[in-house]
Protein backbone atom coordinates (compact mmCIF):
# COMPACT_ATOMS: atom_id res chain seq x y z
CA MET A 1 101.33 9.50 -18.38
CA SER A 2 100.85 8.61 -14.75
CA LYS A 3 98.13 10.18 -12.42
CA SER A 4 100.49 12.08 -10.41
CA ARG A 5 102.26 13.71 -13.41
CA THR A 6 98.39 14.62 -14.86
CA LEU A 7 97.85 15.70 -11.44
CA LEU A 8 100.94 17.88 -11.46
CA ALA A 9 100.23 19.25 -14.69
CA ARG A 10 96.64 20.55 -14.09
CA ARG A 11 97.87 22.19 -11.61
CA ILE A 12 100.66 23.76 -13.67
CA VAL A 13 97.85 25.10 -16.33
CA ALA A 14 96.39 26.68 -13.42
CA SER A 15 99.25 28.47 -11.84
CA VAL A 16 100.88 29.17 -15.49
CA ALA A 17 97.23 31.00 -16.80
CA ALA A 18 97.08 33.06 -13.34
CA SER A 19 100.46 34.41 -13.70
CA ALA A 20 100.27 34.45 -17.62
CA LEU A 21 97.00 37.11 -17.17
CA ILE A 22 99.11 39.05 -14.47
CA PHE A 23 102.02 39.16 -17.28
CA VAL A 24 100.01 40.40 -19.59
CA THR A 25 97.52 42.54 -17.68
CA ALA A 26 101.30 44.48 -16.74
CA ALA A 27 102.48 44.08 -20.17
CA CYS A 28 99.29 45.94 -21.80
CA SER A 29 99.91 48.69 -18.81
CA ASP A 30 104.10 49.63 -19.97
CA SER A 31 104.01 52.68 -22.36
CA ASN A 32 106.41 51.56 -24.49
CA ASN A 33 103.70 48.75 -25.45
CA ASP A 34 106.72 46.29 -26.80
CA PRO A 35 105.32 42.48 -26.61
CA ASN A 36 108.79 41.33 -26.08
CA LYS A 37 109.22 43.53 -22.74
CA PRO A 38 107.34 42.31 -20.14
CA ALA A 39 106.69 45.11 -17.52
CA THR A 40 108.00 45.02 -13.63
CA ASP A 41 106.14 41.73 -12.45
CA THR A 42 104.58 41.75 -8.92
CA THR A 43 107.93 40.89 -6.99
CA GLY A 44 108.87 44.06 -8.35
CA GLU A 45 111.61 42.12 -10.00
CA SER A 46 111.76 43.41 -13.36
CA ALA A 47 111.34 40.72 -16.28
CA PRO A 48 113.93 39.95 -18.69
CA ASP A 49 113.47 41.30 -21.80
CA GLY A 50 116.00 39.75 -24.23
CA GLU A 51 118.36 42.82 -24.86
CA GLY A 52 121.10 43.60 -23.10
CA GLU A 53 121.53 40.42 -21.52
CA THR A 54 123.98 37.58 -23.42
CA SER A 55 121.50 35.44 -26.07
CA THR A 56 120.43 32.40 -25.20
CA GLY A 57 121.03 31.15 -28.80
CA VAL A 58 116.78 30.29 -28.99
CA GLU A 59 115.22 32.72 -30.78
CA THR A 60 111.49 30.52 -30.69
CA THR A 61 108.33 32.88 -31.08
CA CYS A 62 104.88 31.68 -29.70
CA GLY A 63 103.73 31.50 -33.04
CA GLU A 64 106.83 29.04 -34.48
CA TRP A 65 105.44 27.15 -30.95
CA ALA A 66 102.09 26.41 -32.00
CA GLU A 67 103.13 25.26 -35.35
CA MET A 68 105.65 23.06 -33.96
CA GLU A 69 105.14 19.10 -33.52
CA GLU A 70 105.92 17.28 -30.06
CA GLY A 71 109.68 16.32 -31.24
CA PRO A 72 110.46 19.75 -31.78
CA GLN A 73 109.03 21.37 -29.19
CA ALA A 74 111.03 19.03 -26.62
CA ASP A 75 114.20 20.01 -28.55
CA ALA A 76 113.36 23.93 -28.12
CA MET A 77 112.75 23.14 -24.72
CA THR A 78 115.69 21.23 -23.91
CA ALA A 79 117.81 23.94 -25.35
CA LEU A 80 116.61 26.63 -23.81
CA ALA A 81 116.35 24.92 -20.37
CA LYS A 82 120.14 24.37 -20.74
CA ALA A 83 120.51 27.94 -21.56
CA LYS A 84 119.43 29.07 -18.77
CA GLY A 85 121.72 27.26 -16.51
CA ASN A 86 119.68 23.76 -16.48
CA ASN A 87 122.80 21.31 -18.19
CA ALA A 88 120.60 17.92 -17.80
CA PRO A 89 116.83 18.23 -18.28
CA SER A 90 115.04 15.28 -16.80
CA GLN A 91 112.49 14.49 -19.11
CA ASP A 92 109.80 15.56 -16.60
CA ASP A 93 111.55 18.90 -16.79
CA ILE A 94 110.59 18.66 -20.70
CA LEU A 95 107.06 17.92 -20.26
CA LEU A 96 106.19 20.17 -17.81
CA GLY A 97 108.21 22.94 -19.51
CA ARG A 98 106.50 22.38 -22.90
CA ILE A 99 103.05 22.59 -21.26
CA ALA A 100 104.21 25.74 -19.00
CA MET A 101 105.37 27.38 -22.88
CA THR A 102 102.07 26.46 -24.60
CA VAL A 103 99.54 27.80 -21.74
CA TYR A 104 101.95 31.36 -21.90
CA CYS A 105 101.48 31.00 -26.05
CA ASN A 106 97.64 30.75 -25.82
CA THR A 107 96.86 32.92 -22.52
CA MET A 108 99.48 36.24 -24.42
CA GLN A 109 97.73 35.27 -27.87
CA ASP A 110 100.64 37.09 -29.14
CA PRO A 111 102.78 35.24 -31.54
CA GLU A 112 105.78 37.68 -31.68
CA ILE A 113 106.70 37.09 -28.05
CA LYS A 114 109.58 34.64 -27.49
CA LEU A 115 109.90 31.63 -25.10
CA ASP A 116 113.11 33.07 -24.13
CA THR A 117 111.47 36.35 -22.53
CA ILE A 118 109.09 34.05 -20.33
CA TYR A 119 111.38 31.52 -19.02
CA GLU A 120 111.42 32.88 -15.57
CA TRP A 121 107.89 33.03 -15.56
CA ALA A 122 107.43 29.55 -16.35
CA GLU A 123 109.95 28.63 -14.35
CA LYS A 124 107.67 29.87 -11.40
CA ALA A 125 104.57 28.18 -12.12
CA LEU A 126 107.03 25.04 -12.06
CA ALA A 127 107.77 25.36 -8.53
CA GLY A 128 104.53 25.36 -7.79
CA PRO A 129 102.54 26.32 -4.61
CA PRO A 130 104.82 25.92 -1.19
CA LEU A 131 105.15 22.26 0.39
CA ILE A 132 103.60 23.24 2.93
CA ASP A 133 100.56 26.22 3.32
CA PRO A 134 99.87 28.08 6.52
CA PHE A 135 95.88 27.78 7.15
CA GLU A 136 93.96 31.15 8.36
CA PRO A 137 90.82 29.38 9.48
CA GLY A 138 93.19 27.57 11.66
CA PRO A 139 92.60 23.98 13.42
CA LEU A 140 89.34 22.15 12.37
CA GLN A 141 86.82 22.87 14.52
CA PRO A 142 84.98 20.48 16.89
CA MET A 143 81.21 18.56 15.01
CA PRO A 144 78.17 20.47 16.58
CA GLU A 145 76.01 18.23 16.81
CA GLU A 146 76.40 15.48 19.67
CA LEU A 147 75.74 12.25 18.35
CA ASP A 148 74.33 9.00 19.74
CA THR A 149 77.21 6.73 17.93
CA LYS A 150 80.63 7.36 17.27
CA PRO A 151 83.11 4.98 14.97
CA LEU A 152 86.27 3.59 17.32
CA GLY A 153 89.20 6.01 17.53
CA ALA A 154 86.45 9.58 16.86
CA THR A 155 87.79 13.17 17.82
CA PRO A 156 85.73 15.80 18.41
CA GLU A 157 86.44 16.86 14.91
CA GLY A 158 85.33 13.80 12.92
CA GLY A 159 86.98 11.00 11.59
CA ILE A 160 89.14 8.35 13.10
CA MET A 161 92.61 8.28 14.89
CA LEU A 162 94.82 5.77 13.92
CA GLY A 163 97.32 4.40 16.61
CA GLN A 164 100.80 4.13 15.83
CA ASN A 165 99.61 0.01 15.18
CA LEU A 166 97.55 1.57 12.25
CA ALA A 167 94.03 0.33 13.99
CA PRO A 168 91.94 2.88 15.28
CA GLY A 169 91.64 3.85 18.46
CA GLY A 170 95.17 2.45 19.16
CA PRO A 171 97.72 3.90 21.04
CA VAL A 172 98.78 7.38 19.68
CA PRO A 173 102.39 8.85 20.37
CA GLU A 174 102.54 12.33 22.46
CA ASP A 175 103.71 15.79 20.97
CA THR A 176 103.40 14.39 17.11
CA ILE A 177 102.15 16.68 14.14
CA ARG A 178 98.25 15.57 13.61
CA VAL A 179 97.61 14.79 10.06
CA ASP A 180 94.01 15.11 8.75
CA LEU A 181 93.48 13.48 5.62
CA ILE A 182 89.81 14.60 4.17
CA PHE A 183 88.45 12.87 1.27
CA ASP A 184 86.12 11.21 -0.76
CA TYR A 185 86.67 7.60 -1.52
CA ILE A 186 84.73 8.63 -5.09
CA CYS A 187 86.80 11.68 -5.78
CA PRO A 188 89.41 10.87 -9.03
CA TYR A 189 92.30 13.10 -7.27
CA CYS A 190 91.28 11.25 -3.77
CA GLY A 191 92.36 8.02 -5.47
CA ALA A 192 95.69 9.48 -6.72
CA LEU A 193 96.12 10.77 -3.17
CA ALA A 194 96.09 7.27 -2.01
CA GLU A 195 98.84 5.93 -5.07
CA GLN A 196 101.07 8.24 -4.15
CA ALA A 197 101.34 9.18 -0.55
CA THR A 198 99.62 7.26 1.86
CA ASP A 199 102.12 4.85 1.95
CA SER A 200 104.52 8.08 3.46
CA PHE A 201 101.71 8.63 5.65
CA LEU A 202 100.86 5.16 7.40
CA ALA A 203 104.89 4.75 7.39
CA ALA A 204 104.78 8.13 9.46
CA ALA A 205 101.77 6.84 11.86
CA GLN A 206 103.61 3.47 12.81
CA ALA A 207 107.21 5.48 13.03
CA GLY A 208 105.28 7.70 15.72
CA GLU A 209 106.44 11.09 13.50
CA ILE A 210 102.84 11.78 13.06
CA SER A 211 98.39 11.12 14.78
CA LEU A 212 96.72 9.93 11.35
CA VAL A 213 93.09 10.76 11.08
CA MET A 214 91.07 9.89 8.18
CA HIS A 215 87.76 11.42 7.28
CA PRO A 216 85.79 9.44 5.00
CA LEU A 217 83.18 12.11 3.59
CA GLY A 218 79.65 12.02 1.96
CA LEU A 219 80.98 14.79 0.32
CA LEU A 220 80.35 13.52 -3.83
CA ASP A 221 76.98 11.75 -2.78
CA GLN A 222 74.98 14.62 -5.16
CA TYR A 223 77.51 12.92 -8.34
CA SER A 224 76.27 8.84 -7.90
CA SER A 225 72.33 7.97 -7.98
CA THR A 226 73.40 5.29 -5.09
CA GLN A 227 75.66 7.65 -2.55
CA TYR A 228 78.46 5.72 -3.23
CA SER A 229 80.70 8.16 -1.39
CA SER A 230 78.37 7.30 2.09
CA ARG A 231 78.27 3.76 1.80
CA ALA A 232 81.52 3.17 1.25
CA ALA A 233 82.17 5.87 3.69
CA ASN A 234 80.12 3.74 6.36
CA ALA A 235 81.48 0.81 5.32
CA ALA A 236 85.21 1.92 6.38
CA LEU A 237 83.94 3.72 9.72
CA THR A 238 81.91 -0.17 10.73
CA VAL A 239 85.29 -2.33 9.88
CA ALA A 240 87.09 0.90 12.75
CA SER A 241 84.84 0.36 14.92
CA LEU A 242 84.24 -3.31 14.75
CA ALA A 243 87.47 -5.19 13.01
CA PRO A 244 90.39 -2.23 13.48
CA GLU A 245 92.88 -4.14 12.96
CA GLN A 246 91.38 -4.74 9.14
CA PHE A 247 90.43 -1.36 8.29
CA THR A 248 94.03 -0.29 6.83
CA ASP A 249 93.77 -3.72 4.01
CA PHE A 250 89.98 -2.45 3.49
CA ASP A 251 90.67 1.40 3.38
CA VAL A 252 93.84 -0.12 0.37
CA LYS A 253 91.26 -2.18 -1.52
CA LEU A 254 88.22 0.47 -1.96
CA TRP A 255 91.30 2.57 -3.63
CA VAL A 256 92.25 -0.12 -5.78
CA ASN A 257 88.90 -0.28 -6.86
CA GLN A 258 88.07 2.81 -7.09
CA PRO A 259 84.95 3.35 -9.29
CA GLU A 260 84.71 6.40 -11.97
CA GLU A 261 83.12 9.18 -10.44
CA GLY A 262 79.52 10.36 -11.63
CA GLY A 263 78.61 6.71 -11.91
CA ASP A 264 76.71 4.14 -9.50
CA GLY A 265 79.88 3.51 -7.16
CA LEU A 266 80.86 -0.26 -6.61
CA SER A 267 77.27 -2.47 -5.14
CA ASP A 268 77.04 -3.12 -2.10
CA GLU A 269 78.11 -6.53 -2.83
CA LYS A 270 81.32 -5.72 -4.04
CA ILE A 271 81.59 -3.51 -0.67
CA ALA A 272 81.24 -6.40 0.55
CA GLU A 273 83.64 -8.78 -1.20
CA LEU A 274 86.09 -6.49 -0.75
CA ALA A 275 85.77 -6.02 2.87
CA LYS A 276 85.71 -10.26 2.77
CA ASP A 277 88.29 -10.05 0.87
CA ALA A 278 90.90 -7.53 3.73
CA GLY A 279 89.50 -11.05 6.57
CA VAL A 280 86.90 -8.75 7.76
CA SER A 281 83.99 -11.40 8.84
CA ASP A 282 80.13 -11.78 7.56
CA SER A 283 79.39 -10.58 10.85
CA VAL A 284 81.07 -7.61 10.37
CA ILE A 285 80.00 -7.52 6.89
CA ALA A 286 76.00 -7.91 7.58
CA GLN A 287 76.55 -4.76 9.82
CA PHE A 288 76.85 -2.80 7.01
CA LYS A 289 73.28 -2.75 5.47
CA ASP A 290 72.82 -1.33 8.91
CA ASN A 291 74.13 2.12 8.06
CA ILE A 292 75.36 2.66 11.84
CA TYR A 293 77.51 5.62 10.97
CA ALA A 294 75.57 7.19 7.87
CA ASP A 295 74.60 10.10 10.87
CA TYR A 296 78.38 10.49 11.78
CA VAL A 297 79.02 10.87 8.31
CA THR A 298 76.90 13.60 7.40
CA ALA A 299 77.68 15.48 10.26
CA ASN A 300 80.94 15.28 9.56
CA THR A 301 81.11 16.34 5.86
CA THR A 302 78.85 18.98 6.87
CA THR A 303 80.95 20.46 9.56
CA ILE A 304 84.11 20.27 7.23
CA ALA A 305 82.57 21.44 3.48
CA SER A 306 81.44 24.92 5.94
CA MET A 307 84.82 24.87 7.01
CA ASP A 308 85.56 28.70 5.78
CA GLY A 309 88.71 27.50 3.56
CA PHE A 310 87.77 24.51 2.51
CA ARG A 311 89.45 23.47 -0.62
CA GLY A 312 87.73 20.47 -1.57
CA THR A 313 89.47 16.90 -1.37
CA PRO A 314 91.51 16.00 -0.79
CA MET A 315 92.44 17.89 1.88
CA VAL A 316 95.64 17.36 3.86
CA LEU A 317 95.71 19.45 7.18
CA MET A 318 98.89 19.72 9.33
CA THR A 319 98.26 20.53 12.74
CA TYR A 320 100.78 21.38 15.88
CA ASN A 321 100.93 23.23 18.49
CA ASP A 322 97.71 24.62 17.04
CA GLN A 323 98.81 25.93 14.31
CA ALA A 324 97.46 24.31 10.95
CA TYR A 325 98.59 24.30 7.26
CA ILE A 326 97.32 22.67 4.04
CA TYR A 327 100.69 20.07 2.65
CA ASP A 328 100.89 19.86 -0.33
CA TRP A 329 100.72 16.09 -0.80
CA SER A 330 101.65 16.21 -4.80
CA GLN A 331 105.51 16.75 -4.29
CA ASN A 332 105.57 13.23 -1.57
CA LYS A 333 108.22 15.09 0.68
CA LEU A 334 106.44 14.22 3.94
CA GLY A 335 109.50 13.84 5.82
CA GLU A 336 110.98 17.86 4.86
CA ALA A 337 107.33 19.02 6.05
CA ILE A 338 107.56 17.22 9.25
CA ASP A 339 110.87 18.86 10.00
CA THR A 340 109.38 21.87 8.54
CA ILE A 341 107.17 22.28 10.88
CA PHE A 342 109.04 20.67 13.85
CA ASP A 343 111.46 24.09 13.28
CA GLY A 344 108.75 26.39 13.03
CA GLY A 345 107.15 26.61 10.23
């Protein structure tokens, strides 16, 4: 399974598990206590009970589901999807549907419940969170600490803003949506974001549709004996300031060569090699060891990590007219998100 599908599957597991818990709680409070008749859900809509309605022809129970191999599960999921109106379910539909049903059945722990009766709950979970979600604490706040050394393109809220030429400090068009990418170079989900969505962010910035702010943090230093997160962030900001036209290429190389979380990270020599491959001069690379922007990385990390509503890395914050939104980058629908925000959210 690809990184993006793995990420989506994990998100679905969390979503379905939470929904299933509500389902169980409601069912347990039902005076009839009929396991095949879920109580009214939290939206006020009646749950399907499989009685008095057209039968789907899919009579599989959770107990039977647990005994099935992958092939029969896929067949049952295909038949169920078609019975519910999805006449051409994709392989992803079937795979993610199987995940949803498995989590539901494991959570409810009632072998007699029929998959037909919980299909609507699975569909809601598979739909996932909204594309953009209003961020209640509001836009990022300025870093409280006044630093002597700031990288090129530094914003009051931390990070560096890329120009329309994709170089830090370059020209930025007016009246655009601001997009803050908040990440850590050793965070595996951040690596998934880089693989799946970075191209769309860069293209939108280059087209003048967004202003893009990059926030490389040292958040996960505690999981690396060599503080790789901060070392990589400092190197990136050094390139941003002293070789801005090479910044994007260097950033890509850091992601392509991302080390595993929990290890030592890339060595200083390897970071220097990647910078060299990105076209950064030896004189600039030699300054990595000076940690010019270490204080800036620390201040930005502290400011963002203490922000109300911070959800960990990666976090994509879209801001327009002082209204901030969390963008679900795993859906990879940046254009749709931009249009929605411009239309008033």
